[in-house]
Amino acid sequence: METNKLFIGGLSWGLDWQEVKDVFKEYGEVTFVKVIKDRETGRSKGFGFVEFTNVEDAVAAKEAMDGAELDGRNIKVDFAEEKKEA
């Protein structure tokens, strides 16, 4: 399912949200970026989310960045799935 929100996996622990945004804004207007961090250590968990203003930009970013190298690691980019209510 295509959405304007992408899941980004395999991020280097040293990357922050601004660096991720700087890379992905090449594909369109980024409205939201979050790098998920461990609550206790504050260290990145190695994944995050990028949201674009429209689906077309998200599709372009996914196609261009899935498997690409970012900060020495190959990242996985896919469409984010909404959380299921338990």
PDB file of N, CA and C in Angstrom:
ATOM      1  N   MET A   1       0.825  -1.177   0.000  1.00  0.00           N
ATOM      2  CA  MET A   1       0.000   0.000   0.000  1.00  0.00           C
ATOM      3  C   MET A   1       0.877   1.250   0.000  1.00  0.00           C
ATOM      4  N   GLU A   2       0.665   2.113  -0.949  1.00  0.00           N
ATOM      5  CA  GLU A   2       1.448   3.334  -1.035  1.00  0.00           C
ATOM      6  C   GLU A   2       0.858   4.400  -0.125  1.00  0.00           C
ATOM      7  N   THR A   3       1.740   5.057   0.605  1.00  0.00           N
ATOM      8  CA  THR A   3       1.367   6.131   1.511  1.00  0.00           C
ATOM      9  C   THR A   3       2.449   7.196   1.434  1.00  0.00           C
ATOM     10  N   ASN A   4       2.207   8.329   2.030  1.00  0.00           N
ATOM     11  CA  ASN A   4       3.219   9.376   1.996  1.00  0.00           C
ATOM     12  C   ASN A   4       4.216   9.253   3.147  1.00  0.00           C
ATOM     13  N   LYS A   5       4.105   8.187   3.941  1.00  0.00           N
ATOM     14  CA  LYS A   5       5.002   7.961   5.074  1.00  0.00           C
ATOM     15  C   LYS A   5       5.862   6.727   4.808  1.00  0.00           C
ATOM     16  N   LEU A   6       7.179   6.900   4.978  1.00  0.00           N
ATOM     17  CA  LEU A   6       8.121   5.807   4.732  1.00  0.00           C
ATOM     18  C   LEU A   6       8.767   5.336   6.026  1.00  0.00           C
ATOM     19  N   PHE A   7       9.017   4.027   6.090  1.00  0.00           N
ATOM     20  CA  PHE A   7       9.811   3.418   7.148  1.00  0.00           C
ATOM     21  C   PHE A   7      11.239   3.341   6.629  1.00  0.00           C
ATOM     22  N   ILE A   8      12.189   3.766   7.432  1.00  0.00           N
ATOM     23  CA  ILE A   8      13.602   3.714   7.048  1.00  0.00           C
ATOM     24  C   ILE A   8      14.317   2.821   8.053  1.00  0.00           C
ATOM     25  N   GLY A   9      14.850   1.698   7.603  1.00  0.00           N
ATOM     26  CA  GLY A   9      15.555   0.775   8.481  1.00  0.00           C
ATOM     27  C   GLY A   9      17.032   0.708   8.137  1.00  0.00           C
ATOM     28  N   GLY A  10      17.827   0.255   9.090  1.00  0.00           N
ATOM     29  CA  GLY A  10      19.260   0.103   8.877  1.00  0.00           C
ATOM     30  C   GLY A  10      20.033   1.403   9.009  1.00  0.00           C
ATOM     31  N   LEU A  11      19.446   2.385   9.689  1.00  0.00           N
ATOM     32  CA  LEU A  11      20.138   3.664   9.858  1.00  0.00           C
ATOM     33  C   LEU A  11      21.346   3.526  10.777  1.00  0.00           C
ATOM     34  N   SER A  12      22.384   4.242  10.456  1.00  0.00           N
ATOM     35  CA  SER A  12      23.555   4.321  11.320  1.00  0.00           C
ATOM     36  C   SER A  12      23.148   4.974  12.635  1.00  0.00           C
ATOM     37  N   TRP A  13      23.704   4.499  13.734  1.00  0.00           N
ATOM     38  CA  TRP A  13      23.351   5.054  15.039  1.00  0.00           C
ATOM     39  C   TRP A  13      23.757   6.517  15.162  1.00  0.00           C
ATOM     40  N   GLY A  14      24.695   6.954  14.349  1.00  0.00           N
ATOM     41  CA  GLY A  14      25.178   8.326  14.434  1.00  0.00           C
ATOM     42  C   GLY A  14      24.308   9.348  13.721  1.00  0.00           C
ATOM     43  N   LEU A  15      23.344   8.906  12.920  1.00  0.00           N
ATOM     44  CA  LEU A  15      22.501   9.846  12.173  1.00  0.00           C
ATOM     45  C   LEU A  15      21.402  10.422  13.055  1.00  0.00           C
ATOM     46  N   ASP A  16      21.155  11.718  12.912  1.00  0.00           N
ATOM     47  CA  ASP A  16      20.033  12.317  13.616  1.00  0.00           C
ATOM     48  C   ASP A  16      18.946  12.678  12.607  1.00  0.00           C
ATOM     49  N   TRP A  17      17.823  13.152  13.109  1.00  0.00           N
ATOM     50  CA  TRP A  17      16.666  13.412  12.243  1.00  0.00           C
ATOM     51  C   TRP A  17      16.979  14.445  11.173  1.00  0.00           C
ATOM     52  N   GLN A  18      17.777  15.455  11.486  1.00  0.00           N
ATOM     53  CA  GLN A  18      18.075  16.504  10.516  1.00  0.00           C
ATOM     54  C   GLN A  18      18.884  15.950   9.345  1.00  0.00           C
ATOM     55  N   GLU A  19      19.832  15.074   9.627  1.00  0.00           N
ATOM     56  CA  GLU A  19      20.631  14.465   8.560  1.00  0.00           C
ATOM     57  C   GLU A  19      19.764  13.585   7.666  1.00  0.00           C
ATOM     58  N   VAL A  20      18.837  12.858   8.264  1.00  0.00           N
ATOM     59  CA  VAL A  20      17.912  12.023   7.487  1.00  0.00           C
ATOM     60  C   VAL A  20      17.041  12.923   6.610  1.00  0.00           C
ATOM     61  N   LYS A  21      16.524  13.996   7.180  1.00  0.00           N
ATOM     62  CA  LYS A  21      15.691  14.930   6.421  1.00  0.00           C
ATOM     63  C   LYS A  21      16.469  15.522   5.246  1.00  0.00           C
ATOM     64  N   ASP A  22      17.716  15.911   5.483  1.00  0.00           N
ATOM     65  CA  ASP A  22      18.531  16.506   4.424  1.00  0.00           C
ATOM     66  C   ASP A  22      18.699  15.567   3.232  1.00  0.00           C
ATOM     67  N   VAL A  23      18.806  14.280   3.494  1.00  0.00           N
ATOM     68  CA  VAL A  23      18.939  13.295   2.416  1.00  0.00           C
ATOM     69  C   VAL A  23      17.617  13.133   1.663  1.00  0.00           C
ATOM     70  N   PHE A  24      16.521  13.011   2.391  1.00  0.00           N
ATOM     71  CA  PHE A  24      15.235  12.700   1.765  1.00  0.00           C
ATOM     72  C   PHE A  24      14.536  13.907   1.140  1.00  0.00           C
ATOM     73  N   LYS A  25      14.888  15.119   1.546  1.00  0.00           N
ATOM     74  CA  LYS A  25      14.226  16.297   0.975  1.00  0.00           C
ATOM     75  C   LYS A  25      14.572  16.491  -0.499  1.00  0.00           C
ATOM     76  N   GLU A  26      15.567  15.768  -0.970  1.00  0.00           N
ATOM     77  CA  GLU A  26      15.917  15.794  -2.395  1.00  0.00           C
ATOM     78  C   GLU A  26      14.761  15.269  -3.255  1.00  0.00           C
ATOM     79  N   TYR A  27      13.875  14.477  -2.660  1.00  0.00           N
ATOM     80  CA  TYR A  27      12.790  13.830  -3.406  1.00  0.00           C
ATOM     81  C   TYR A  27      11.442  14.532  -3.254  1.00  0.00           C
ATOM     82  N   GLY A  28      11.380  15.559  -2.437  1.00  0.00           N
ATOM     83  CA  GLY A  28      10.145  16.301  -2.265  1.00  0.00           C
ATOM     84  C   GLY A  28      10.094  16.977  -0.913  1.00  0.00           C
ATOM     85  N   GLU A  29       8.969  17.622  -0.632  1.00  0.00           N
ATOM     86  CA  GLU A  29       8.811  18.338   0.630  1.00  0.00           C
ATOM     87  C   GLU A  29       8.564  17.359   1.775  1.00  0.00           C
ATOM     88  N   VAL A  30       9.492  17.347   2.717  1.00  0.00           N
ATOM     89  CA  VAL A  30       9.402  16.473   3.880  1.00  0.00           C
ATOM     90  C   VAL A  30       8.660  17.222   4.985  1.00  0.00           C
ATOM     91  N   THR A  31       7.604  16.602   5.523  1.00  0.00           N
ATOM     92  CA  THR A  31       6.813  17.255   6.563  1.00  0.00           C
ATOM     93  C   THR A  31       7.088  16.717   7.957  1.00  0.00           C
ATOM     94  N   PHE A  32       7.730  15.545   8.051  1.00  0.00           N
ATOM     95  CA  PHE A  32       7.941  14.915   9.352  1.00  0.00           C
ATOM     96  C   PHE A  32       9.091  13.927   9.250  1.00  0.00           C
ATOM     97  N   VAL A  33       9.976  13.947  10.242  1.00  0.00           N
ATOM     98  CA  VAL A  33      11.058  12.960  10.337  1.00  0.00           C
ATOM     99  C   VAL A  33      11.198  12.570  11.796  1.00  0.00           C
ATOM    100  N   LYS A  34      11.322  11.279  12.040  1.00  0.00           N
ATOM    101  CA  LYS A  34      11.564  10.820  13.408  1.00  0.00           C
ATOM    102  C   LYS A  34      12.524   9.643  13.363  1.00  0.00           C
ATOM    103  N   VAL A  35      13.620   9.765  14.097  1.00  0.00           N
ATOM    104  CA  VAL A  35      14.541   8.651  14.303  1.00  0.00           C
ATOM    105  C   VAL A  35      14.198   8.092  15.674  1.00  0.00           C
ATOM    106  N   ILE A  36      13.865   6.809  15.729  1.00  0.00           N
ATOM    107  CA  ILE A  36      13.433   6.180  16.971  1.00  0.00           C
ATOM    108  C   ILE A  36      14.642   5.924  17.872  1.00  0.00           C
ATOM    109  N   LYS A  37      14.505   6.338  19.133  1.00  0.00           N
ATOM    110  CA  LYS A  37      15.608   6.203  20.089  1.00  0.00           C
ATOM    111  C   LYS A  37      15.204   5.332  21.261  1.00  0.00           C
ATOM    112  N   ASP A  38      16.198   4.681  21.840  1.00  0.00           N
ATOM    113  CA  ASP A  38      15.992   3.878  23.035  1.00  0.00           C
ATOM    114  C   ASP A  38      15.664   4.817  24.203  1.00  0.00           C
ATOM    115  N   ARG A  39      14.628   4.510  24.950  1.00  0.00           N
ATOM    116  CA  ARG A  39      14.202   5.378  26.053  1.00  0.00           C
ATOM    117  C   ARG A  39      15.252   5.518  27.144  1.00  0.00           C
ATOM    118  N   GLU A  40      15.954   4.440  27.420  1.00  0.00           N
ATOM    119  CA  GLU A  40      16.909   4.457  28.530  1.00  0.00           C
ATOM    120  C   GLU A  40      18.249   5.055  28.147  1.00  0.00           C
ATOM    121  N   THR A  41      18.747   4.735  26.953  1.00  0.00           N
ATOM    122  CA  THR A  41      20.086   5.194  26.574  1.00  0.00           C
ATOM    123  C   THR A  41      20.063   6.447  25.707  1.00  0.00           C
ATOM    124  N   GLY A  42      18.932   6.713  25.043  1.00  0.00           N
ATOM    125  CA  GLY A  42      18.857   7.849  24.135  1.00  0.00           C
ATOM    126  C   GLY A  42      19.533   7.594  22.805  1.00  0.00           C
ATOM    127  N   ARG A  43      20.044   6.402  22.620  1.00  0.00           N
ATOM    128  CA  ARG A  43      20.732   6.033  21.384  1.00  0.00           C
ATOM    129  C   ARG A  43      19.733   5.580  20.328  1.00  0.00           C
ATOM    130  N   SER A  44      20.031   5.895  19.082  1.00  0.00           N
ATOM    131  CA  SER A  44      19.162   5.489  17.980  1.00  0.00           C
ATOM    132  C   SER A  44      18.986   3.979  17.967  1.00  0.00           C
ATOM    133  N   LYS A  45      17.774   3.546  17.620  1.00  0.00           N
ATOM    134  CA  LYS A  45      17.517   2.118  17.457  1.00  0.00           C
ATOM    135  C   LYS A  45      17.796   1.658  16.031  1.00  0.00           C
ATOM    136  N   GLY A  46      18.199   2.594  15.159  1.00  0.00           N
ATOM    137  CA  GLY A  46      18.569   2.223  13.797  1.00  0.00           C
ATOM    138  C   GLY A  46      17.428   2.259  12.796  1.00  0.00           C
ATOM    139  N   PHE A  47      16.301   2.865  13.184  1.00  0.00           N
ATOM    140  CA  PHE A  47      15.213   3.011  12.225  1.00  0.00           C
ATOM    141  C   PHE A  47      14.432   4.284  12.519  1.00  0.00           C
ATOM    142  N   GLY A  48      13.638   4.668  11.541  1.00  0.00           N
ATOM    143  CA  GLY A  48      12.847   5.877  11.717  1.00  0.00           C
ATOM    144  C   GLY A  48      11.808   6.009  10.620  1.00  0.00           C
ATOM    145  N   PHE A  49      11.208   7.195  10.540  1.00  0.00           N
ATOM    146  CA  PHE A  49      10.137   7.461   9.592  1.00  0.00           C
ATOM    147  C   PHE A  49      10.342   8.812   8.930  1.00  0.00           C
ATOM    148  N   VAL A  50       9.968   8.888   7.668  1.00  0.00           N
ATOM    149  CA  VAL A  50      10.000  10.140   6.917  1.00  0.00           C
ATOM    150  C   VAL A  50       8.640  10.279   6.247  1.00  0.00           C
ATOM    151  N   GLU A  51       8.029  11.455   6.400  1.00  0.00           N
ATOM    152  CA  GLU A  51       6.726  11.701   5.795  1.00  0.00           C
ATOM    153  C   GLU A  51       6.837  12.863   4.813  1.00  0.00           C
ATOM    154  N   PHE A  52       6.222  12.685   3.640  1.00  0.00           N
ATOM    155  CA  PHE A  52       6.218  13.687   2.583  1.00  0.00           C
ATOM    156  C   PHE A  52       4.831  14.314   2.464  1.00  0.00           C
ATOM    157  N   THR A  53       4.762  15.455   1.768  1.00  0.00           N
ATOM    158  CA  THR A  53       3.463  16.097   1.578  1.00  0.00           C
ATOM    159  C   THR A  53       2.572  15.290   0.655  1.00  0.00           C
ATOM    160  N   ASN A  54       3.167  14.488  -0.246  1.00  0.00           N
ATOM    161  CA  ASN A  54       2.330  13.696  -1.147  1.00  0.00           C
ATOM    162  C   ASN A  54       2.931  12.325  -1.424  1.00  0.00           C
ATOM    163  N   VAL A  55       2.084  11.450  -1.894  1.00  0.00           N
ATOM    164  CA  VAL A  55       2.468  10.059  -2.148  1.00  0.00           C
ATOM    165  C   VAL A  55       3.517   9.956  -3.258  1.00  0.00           C
ATOM    166  N   GLU A  56       3.397  10.790  -4.277  1.00  0.00           N
ATOM    167  CA  GLU A  56       4.327  10.716  -5.415  1.00  0.00           C
ATOM    168  C   GLU A  56       5.775  10.916  -4.968  1.00  0.00           C
ATOM    169  N   ASP A  57       6.006  11.873  -4.060  1.00  0.00           N
ATOM    170  CA  ASP A  57       7.354  12.117  -3.560  1.00  0.00           C
ATOM    171  C   ASP A  57       7.854  10.933  -2.733  1.00  0.00           C
ATOM    172  N   ALA A  58       6.956  10.346  -1.952  1.00  0.00           N
ATOM    173  CA  ALA A  58       7.327   9.172  -1.147  1.00  0.00           C
ATOM    174  C   ALA A  58       7.701   8.001  -2.048  1.00  0.00           C
ATOM    175  N   VAL A  59       6.947   7.802  -3.127  1.00  0.00           N
ATOM    176  CA  VAL A  59       7.245   6.729  -4.079  1.00  0.00           C
ATOM    177  C   VAL A  59       8.625   6.954  -4.702  1.00  0.00           C
ATOM    178  N   ALA A  60       8.905   8.180  -5.107  1.00  0.00           N
ATOM    179  CA  ALA A  60      10.199   8.498  -5.718  1.00  0.00           C
ATOM    180  C   ALA A  60      11.342   8.255  -4.734  1.00  0.00           C
ATOM    181  N   ALA A  61      11.149   8.660  -3.488  1.00  0.00           N
ATOM    182  CA  ALA A  61      12.179   8.468  -2.469  1.00  0.00           C
ATOM    183  C   ALA A  61      12.402   6.987  -2.190  1.00  0.00           C
ATOM    184  N   LYS A  62      11.325   6.222  -2.106  1.00  0.00           N
ATOM    185  CA  LYS A  62      11.450   4.780  -1.858  1.00  0.00           C
ATOM    186  C   LYS A  62      12.229   4.109  -2.978  1.00  0.00           C
ATOM    187  N   GLU A  63      11.855   4.422  -4.212  1.00  0.00           N
ATOM    188  CA  GLU A  63      12.519   3.800  -5.360  1.00  0.00           C
ATOM    189  C   GLU A  63      14.001   4.162  -5.415  1.00  0.00           C
ATOM    190  N   ALA A  64      14.324   5.400  -5.082  1.00  0.00           N
ATOM    191  CA  ALA A  64      15.712   5.847  -5.165  1.00  0.00           C
ATOM    192  C   ALA A  64      16.564   5.380  -3.987  1.00  0.00           C
ATOM    193  N   MET A  65      15.977   5.321  -2.801  1.00  0.00           N
ATOM    194  CA  MET A  65      16.777   5.100  -1.591  1.00  0.00           C
ATOM    195  C   MET A  65      16.761   3.683  -1.032  1.00  0.00           C
ATOM    196  N   ASP A  66      15.817   2.842  -1.436  1.00  0.00           N
ATOM    197  CA  ASP A  66      15.787   1.474  -0.912  1.00  0.00           C
ATOM    198  C   ASP A  66      17.052   0.746  -1.353  1.00  0.00           C
ATOM    199  N   GLY A  67      17.852   0.316  -0.398  1.00  0.00           N
ATOM    200  CA  GLY A  67      19.104  -0.375  -0.674  1.00  0.00           C
ATOM    201  C   GLY A  67      20.294   0.549  -0.850  1.00  0.00           C
ATOM    202  N   ALA A  68      20.051   1.852  -0.815  1.00  0.00           N
ATOM    203  CA  ALA A  68      21.140   2.821  -0.990  1.00  0.00           C
ATOM    204  C   ALA A  68      22.023   2.870   0.254  1.00  0.00           C
ATOM    205  N   GLU A  69      23.248   3.335   0.069  1.00  0.00           N
ATOM    206  CA  GLU A  69      24.157   3.482   1.193  1.00  0.00           C
ATOM    207  C   GLU A  69      23.990   4.869   1.806  1.00  0.00           C
ATOM    208  N   LEU A  70      23.849   4.878   3.116  1.00  0.00           N
ATOM    209  CA  LEU A  70      23.729   6.130   3.851  1.00  0.00           C
ATOM    210  C   LEU A  70      24.596   6.017   5.093  1.00  0.00           C
ATOM    211  N   ASP A  71      25.586   6.871   5.192  1.00  0.00           N
ATOM    212  CA  ASP A  71      26.517   6.873   6.329  1.00  0.00           C
ATOM    213  C   ASP A  71      27.149   5.491   6.541  1.00  0.00           C
ATOM    214  N   GLY A  72      27.540   4.855   5.425  1.00  0.00           N
ATOM    215  CA  GLY A  72      28.247   3.584   5.496  1.00  0.00           C
ATOM    216  C   GLY A  72      27.385   2.344   5.654  1.00  0.00           C
ATOM    217  N   ARG A  73      26.055   2.506   5.654  1.00  0.00           N
ATOM    218  CA  ARG A  73      25.162   1.350   5.798  1.00  0.00           C
ATOM    219  C   ARG A  73      24.126   1.351   4.689  1.00  0.00           C
ATOM    220  N   ASN A  74      23.764   0.155   4.232  1.00  0.00           N
ATOM    221  CA  ASN A  74      22.687   0.042   3.247  1.00  0.00           C
ATOM    222  C   ASN A  74      21.363   0.093   3.990  1.00  0.00           C
ATOM    223  N   ILE A  75      20.525   1.047   3.592  1.00  0.00           N
ATOM    224  CA  ILE A  75      19.255   1.230   4.292  1.00  0.00           C
ATOM    225  C   ILE A  75      18.125   0.521   3.570  1.00  0.00           C
ATOM    226  N   LYS A  76      17.089   0.215   4.316  1.00  0.00           N
ATOM    227  CA  LYS A  76      15.864  -0.390   3.794  1.00  0.00           C
ATOM    228  C   LYS A  76      14.785   0.663   3.869  1.00  0.00           C
ATOM    229  N   VAL A  77      14.135   0.926   2.749  1.00  0.00           N
ATOM    230  CA  VAL A  77      13.061   1.913   2.706  1.00  0.00           C
ATOM    231  C   VAL A  77      11.799   1.232   2.206  1.00  0.00           C
ATOM    232  N   ASP A  78      10.722   1.389   2.947  1.00  0.00           N
ATOM    233  CA  ASP A  78       9.444   0.796   2.576  1.00  0.00           C
ATOM    234  C   ASP A  78       8.320   1.720   3.033  1.00  0.00           C
ATOM    235  N   PHE A  79       7.138   1.488   2.531  1.00  0.00           N
ATOM    236  CA  PHE A  79       5.996   2.271   2.975  1.00  0.00           C
ATOM    237  C   PHE A  79       5.647   1.876   4.400  1.00  0.00           C
ATOM    238  N   ALA A  80       5.416   2.881   5.238  1.00  0.00           N
ATOM    239  CA  ALA A  80       5.087   2.627   6.650  1.00  0.00           C
ATOM    240  C   ALA A  80       3.673   2.082   6.747  1.00  0.00           C
ATOM    241  N   GLU A  81       3.481   1.194   7.694  1.00  0.00           N
ATOM    242  CA  GLU A  81       2.151   0.653   7.960  1.00  0.00           C
ATOM    243  C   GLU A  81       1.622   1.302   9.223  1.00  0.00           C
ATOM    244  N   GLU A  82       0.350   1.606   9.222  1.00  0.00           N
ATOM    245  CA  GLU A  82      -0.272   2.196  10.407  1.00  0.00           C
ATOM    246  C   GLU A  82      -0.314   1.144  11.509  1.00  0.00           C
ATOM    247  N   LYS A  83      -0.124   1.610  12.756  1.00  0.00           N
ATOM    248  CA  LYS A  83      -0.195   0.691  13.894  1.00  0.00           C
ATOM    249  C   LYS A  83      -1.584   0.104  14.005  1.00  0.00           C
ATOM    250  N   LYS A  84      -1.636  -1.180  14.283  1.00  0.00           N
ATOM    251  CA  LYS A  84      -2.909  -1.857  14.485  1.00  0.00           C
ATOM    252  C   LYS A  84      -3.312  -1.704  15.952  1.00  0.00           C
ATOM    253  N   GLU A  85      -4.557  -1.378  16.181  1.00  0.00           N
ATOM    254  CA  GLU A  85      -5.058  -1.274  17.542  1.00  0.00           C
ATOM    255  C   GLU A  85      -5.219  -2.675  18.123  1.00  0.00           C
ATOM    256  N   ALA A  86      -4.720  -2.870  19.323  1.00  0.00           N
ATOM    257  CA  ALA A  86      -4.779  -4.196  19.966  1.00  0.00           C
ATOM    258  C   ALA A  86      -6.115  -4.425  20.625  1.00  0.00           C
TER     259      ALA A  86
END
